[in-house]
Amino acid sequence: MQRTTDMPLWVFLGLANVNTRKGALILFGVCLAFSVACLPLSYYQVVDWIDWTWAAMLFPCSLWYWLSIRWVDKHTGWA
């Protein structure tokens, strides 16, 4: 993604290597799916190295991606 003059840094960093809206939505969907999957995995200790911190990290990342996608949709659009 090319950075425009009015694009905030947080939007550019969130979608720096994503060129299309479809790619950004896939990134958001995968991050959200993994964050939801981490909740039961950490509760039941299915995998020892997955704990609640994974979900605590992935939920804000999902929100960041979603807000970045929303900003690009409203202001600059996709290439």
N, C-alpha and C. Protein backbone atom coordinates (compact mmCIF):
# COMPACT_ATOMS: atom_id res chain seq x y z
N MET A 1 0.84 -1.16 0.00
CA MET A 1 0.00 0.00 0.00
C MET A 1 0.89 1.24 0.00
N GLN A 2 0.54 2.18 -0.82
CA GLN A 2 1.27 3.44 -0.88
C GLN A 2 0.72 4.40 0.15
N ARG A 3 1.60 5.06 0.86
CA ARG A 3 1.17 6.00 1.88
C ARG A 3 0.86 7.35 1.24
N THR A 4 -0.32 7.87 1.53
CA THR A 4 -0.69 9.20 1.06
C THR A 4 -0.33 10.22 2.13
N THR A 5 -0.45 11.49 1.80
CA THR A 5 -0.05 12.53 2.75
C THR A 5 -0.99 12.64 3.94
N ASP A 6 -2.26 12.29 3.75
CA ASP A 6 -3.21 12.41 4.86
C ASP A 6 -3.41 11.10 5.63
N MET A 7 -2.71 10.04 5.25
CA MET A 7 -2.86 8.75 5.92
C MET A 7 -2.09 8.74 7.24
N PRO A 8 -2.77 8.39 8.34
CA PRO A 8 -2.05 8.30 9.62
C PRO A 8 -1.04 7.15 9.62
N LEU A 9 -0.06 7.28 10.47
CA LEU A 9 1.00 6.27 10.54
C LEU A 9 0.45 4.92 10.98
N TRP A 10 -0.51 4.91 11.90
CA TRP A 10 -1.05 3.64 12.40
C TRP A 10 -1.78 2.87 11.30
N VAL A 11 -2.40 3.57 10.36
CA VAL A 11 -3.06 2.89 9.24
C VAL A 11 -2.01 2.32 8.29
N PHE A 12 -1.00 3.12 7.99
CA PHE A 12 0.05 2.65 7.10
C PHE A 12 0.78 1.44 7.66
N LEU A 13 1.11 1.47 8.95
CA LEU A 13 1.81 0.34 9.56
C LEU A 13 0.93 -0.90 9.63
N GLY A 14 -0.36 -0.72 9.84
CA GLY A 14 -1.26 -1.87 9.91
C GLY A 14 -1.43 -2.58 8.58
N LEU A 15 -1.39 -1.81 7.50
CA LEU A 15 -1.63 -2.39 6.18
C LEU A 15 -0.46 -2.18 5.23
N ALA A 16 0.74 -2.15 5.75
CA ALA A 16 1.91 -1.79 4.95
C ALA A 16 2.16 -2.74 3.77
N ASN A 17 2.03 -4.01 3.95
CA ASN A 17 2.33 -4.97 2.88
C ASN A 17 1.09 -5.57 2.25
N VAL A 18 -0.06 -4.97 2.50
CA VAL A 18 -1.31 -5.45 1.94
C VAL A 18 -1.71 -4.49 0.83
N ASN A 19 -1.95 -5.01 -0.37
CA ASN A 19 -2.23 -4.14 -1.51
C ASN A 19 -3.70 -4.07 -1.88
N THR A 20 -4.48 -5.06 -1.49
CA THR A 20 -5.89 -5.08 -1.90
C THR A 20 -6.79 -5.17 -0.67
N ARG A 21 -8.04 -4.80 -0.87
CA ARG A 21 -9.02 -4.90 0.22
C ARG A 21 -9.28 -6.37 0.57
N LYS A 22 -9.29 -7.23 -0.44
CA LYS A 22 -9.49 -8.65 -0.20
C LYS A 22 -8.38 -9.21 0.69
N GLY A 23 -7.14 -8.84 0.42
CA GLY A 23 -6.03 -9.28 1.25
C GLY A 23 -6.13 -8.77 2.67
N ALA A 24 -6.58 -7.53 2.83
CA ALA A 24 -6.74 -6.97 4.16
C ALA A 24 -7.85 -7.67 4.92
N LEU A 25 -8.93 -8.00 4.24
CA LEU A 25 -10.03 -8.72 4.91
C LEU A 25 -9.61 -10.14 5.28
N ILE A 26 -8.79 -10.78 4.46
CA ILE A 26 -8.27 -12.11 4.81
C ILE A 26 -7.39 -12.01 6.04
N LEU A 27 -6.52 -11.01 6.08
CA LEU A 27 -5.66 -10.80 7.25
C LEU A 27 -6.50 -10.58 8.51
N PHE A 28 -7.52 -9.76 8.42
CA PHE A 28 -8.40 -9.51 9.56
C PHE A 28 -9.13 -10.79 9.98
N GLY A 29 -9.66 -11.52 9.02
CA GLY A 29 -10.41 -12.74 9.34
C GLY A 29 -9.56 -13.81 10.00
N VAL A 30 -8.36 -13.99 9.50
CA VAL A 30 -7.46 -15.00 10.07
C VAL A 30 -7.04 -14.61 11.49
N CYS A 31 -6.74 -13.33 11.69
CA CYS A 31 -6.34 -12.87 13.02
C CYS A 31 -7.50 -13.02 14.01
N LEU A 32 -8.71 -12.68 13.58
CA LEU A 32 -9.87 -12.83 14.46
C LEU A 32 -10.16 -14.30 14.75
N ALA A 33 -10.05 -15.16 13.74
CA ALA A 33 -10.29 -16.59 13.94
C ALA A 33 -9.29 -17.19 14.92
N PHE A 34 -8.03 -16.83 14.79
CA PHE A 34 -7.02 -17.35 15.71
C PHE A 34 -7.22 -16.81 17.12
N SER A 35 -7.67 -15.56 17.24
CA SER A 35 -7.89 -15.02 18.58
C SER A 35 -9.07 -15.71 19.26
N VAL A 36 -10.09 -16.03 18.50
CA VAL A 36 -11.23 -16.75 19.07
C VAL A 36 -10.83 -18.19 19.39
N ALA A 37 -10.03 -18.80 18.54
CA ALA A 37 -9.59 -20.19 18.78
C ALA A 37 -8.67 -20.30 19.97
N CYS A 38 -7.95 -19.23 20.30
CA CYS A 38 -7.04 -19.28 21.44
C CYS A 38 -7.76 -19.34 22.78
N LEU A 39 -8.98 -18.87 22.85
CA LEU A 39 -9.71 -18.89 24.12
C LEU A 39 -9.96 -20.30 24.63
N PRO A 40 -10.60 -21.20 23.86
CA PRO A 40 -10.77 -22.56 24.39
C PRO A 40 -9.46 -23.34 24.48
N LEU A 41 -8.53 -23.06 23.56
CA LEU A 41 -7.24 -23.75 23.63
C LEU A 41 -6.48 -23.41 24.90
N SER A 42 -6.58 -22.16 25.32
CA SER A 42 -5.88 -21.77 26.55
C SER A 42 -6.64 -22.22 27.80
N TYR A 43 -7.96 -22.27 27.71
CA TYR A 43 -8.73 -22.69 28.88
C TYR A 43 -8.54 -24.18 29.17
N TYR A 44 -8.59 -25.00 28.14
CA TYR A 44 -8.47 -26.45 28.33
C TYR A 44 -7.03 -26.94 28.25
N GLN A 45 -6.07 -26.05 28.00
CA GLN A 45 -4.66 -26.40 27.91
C GLN A 45 -4.42 -27.54 26.92
N VAL A 46 -5.03 -27.42 25.74
CA VAL A 46 -4.83 -28.42 24.69
C VAL A 46 -3.38 -28.40 24.22
N VAL A 47 -2.85 -27.22 24.03
CA VAL A 47 -1.45 -27.05 23.67
C VAL A 47 -0.79 -26.27 24.79
N ASP A 48 0.33 -26.75 25.27
CA ASP A 48 0.94 -26.16 26.46
C ASP A 48 1.41 -24.72 26.26
N TRP A 49 1.89 -24.37 25.08
CA TRP A 49 2.47 -23.06 24.88
C TRP A 49 1.45 -21.99 24.52
N ILE A 50 0.18 -22.36 24.33
CA ILE A 50 -0.87 -21.36 24.07
C ILE A 50 -1.57 -21.07 25.39
N ASP A 51 -1.49 -19.80 25.80
CA ASP A 51 -2.21 -19.38 26.99
C ASP A 51 -3.04 -18.15 26.66
N TRP A 52 -3.62 -17.54 27.65
CA TRP A 52 -4.55 -16.43 27.42
C TRP A 52 -3.87 -15.21 26.82
N THR A 53 -2.55 -15.11 26.91
CA THR A 53 -1.87 -13.95 26.36
C THR A 53 -1.94 -13.90 24.83
N TRP A 54 -2.09 -15.06 24.20
CA TRP A 54 -2.25 -15.08 22.75
C TRP A 54 -3.55 -14.38 22.36
N ALA A 55 -4.63 -14.71 23.03
CA ALA A 55 -5.91 -14.06 22.74
C ALA A 55 -5.85 -12.59 23.11
N ALA A 56 -5.18 -12.27 24.21
CA ALA A 56 -5.06 -10.88 24.64
C ALA A 56 -4.24 -10.07 23.64
N MET A 57 -3.37 -10.70 22.91
CA MET A 57 -2.58 -10.00 21.90
C MET A 57 -3.32 -9.93 20.56
N LEU A 58 -4.03 -10.98 20.20
CA LEU A 58 -4.65 -11.04 18.87
C LEU A 58 -5.93 -10.24 18.76
N PHE A 59 -6.70 -10.10 19.84
CA PHE A 59 -7.92 -9.29 19.76
C PHE A 59 -7.62 -7.82 19.45
N PRO A 60 -6.66 -7.17 20.11
CA PRO A 60 -6.34 -5.79 19.72
C PRO A 60 -5.76 -5.69 18.31
N CYS A 61 -5.01 -6.69 17.88
CA CYS A 61 -4.50 -6.68 16.51
C CYS A 61 -5.65 -6.76 15.50
N SER A 62 -6.64 -7.57 15.79
CA SER A 62 -7.81 -7.66 14.92
C SER A 62 -8.54 -6.33 14.85
N LEU A 63 -8.68 -5.69 15.99
CA LEU A 63 -9.33 -4.38 16.02
C LEU A 63 -8.52 -3.36 15.23
N TRP A 64 -7.22 -3.40 15.35
CA TRP A 64 -6.33 -2.49 14.61
C TRP A 64 -6.49 -2.69 13.10
N TYR A 65 -6.51 -3.93 12.64
CA TYR A 65 -6.69 -4.21 11.22
C TYR A 65 -8.05 -3.72 10.75
N TRP A 66 -9.09 -3.99 11.53
CA TRP A 66 -10.44 -3.58 11.14
C TRP A 66 -10.55 -2.07 11.05
N LEU A 67 -9.99 -1.36 12.03
CA LEU A 67 -10.03 0.10 12.00
C LEU A 67 -9.20 0.66 10.84
N SER A 68 -8.09 0.02 10.52
CA SER A 68 -7.27 0.45 9.38
C SER A 68 -8.02 0.26 8.07
N ILE A 69 -8.66 -0.88 7.91
CA ILE A 69 -9.45 -1.15 6.71
C ILE A 69 -10.58 -0.12 6.59
N ARG A 70 -11.23 0.14 7.68
CA ARG A 70 -12.32 1.11 7.68
C ARG A 70 -11.83 2.51 7.31
N TRP A 71 -10.66 2.91 7.82
CA TRP A 71 -10.12 4.22 7.50
C TRP A 71 -9.82 4.34 6.01
N VAL A 72 -9.20 3.29 5.44
CA VAL A 72 -8.86 3.33 4.01
C VAL A 72 -10.14 3.35 3.18
N ASP A 73 -11.16 2.60 3.59
CA ASP A 73 -12.43 2.61 2.85
C ASP A 73 -13.05 4.01 2.82
N LYS A 74 -12.98 4.72 3.91
CA LYS A 74 -13.62 6.03 4.00
C LYS A 74 -12.80 7.16 3.38
N HIS A 75 -11.49 7.03 3.37
CA HIS A 75 -10.68 8.18 2.98
C HIS A 75 -9.98 8.04 1.64
N THR A 76 -9.19 7.02 1.44
CA THR A 76 -8.37 6.97 0.24
C THR A 76 -8.84 5.91 -0.75
N GLY A 77 -9.40 4.84 -0.29
CA GLY A 77 -9.77 3.75 -1.19
C GLY A 77 -8.60 2.84 -1.48
N TRP A 78 -8.85 1.81 -2.21
CA TRP A 78 -7.84 0.80 -2.50
C TRP A 78 -7.35 0.95 -3.93
N ALA A 79 -6.15 0.52 -4.17
CA ALA A 79 -5.57 0.63 -5.52
C ALA A 79 -6.21 -0.36 -6.47
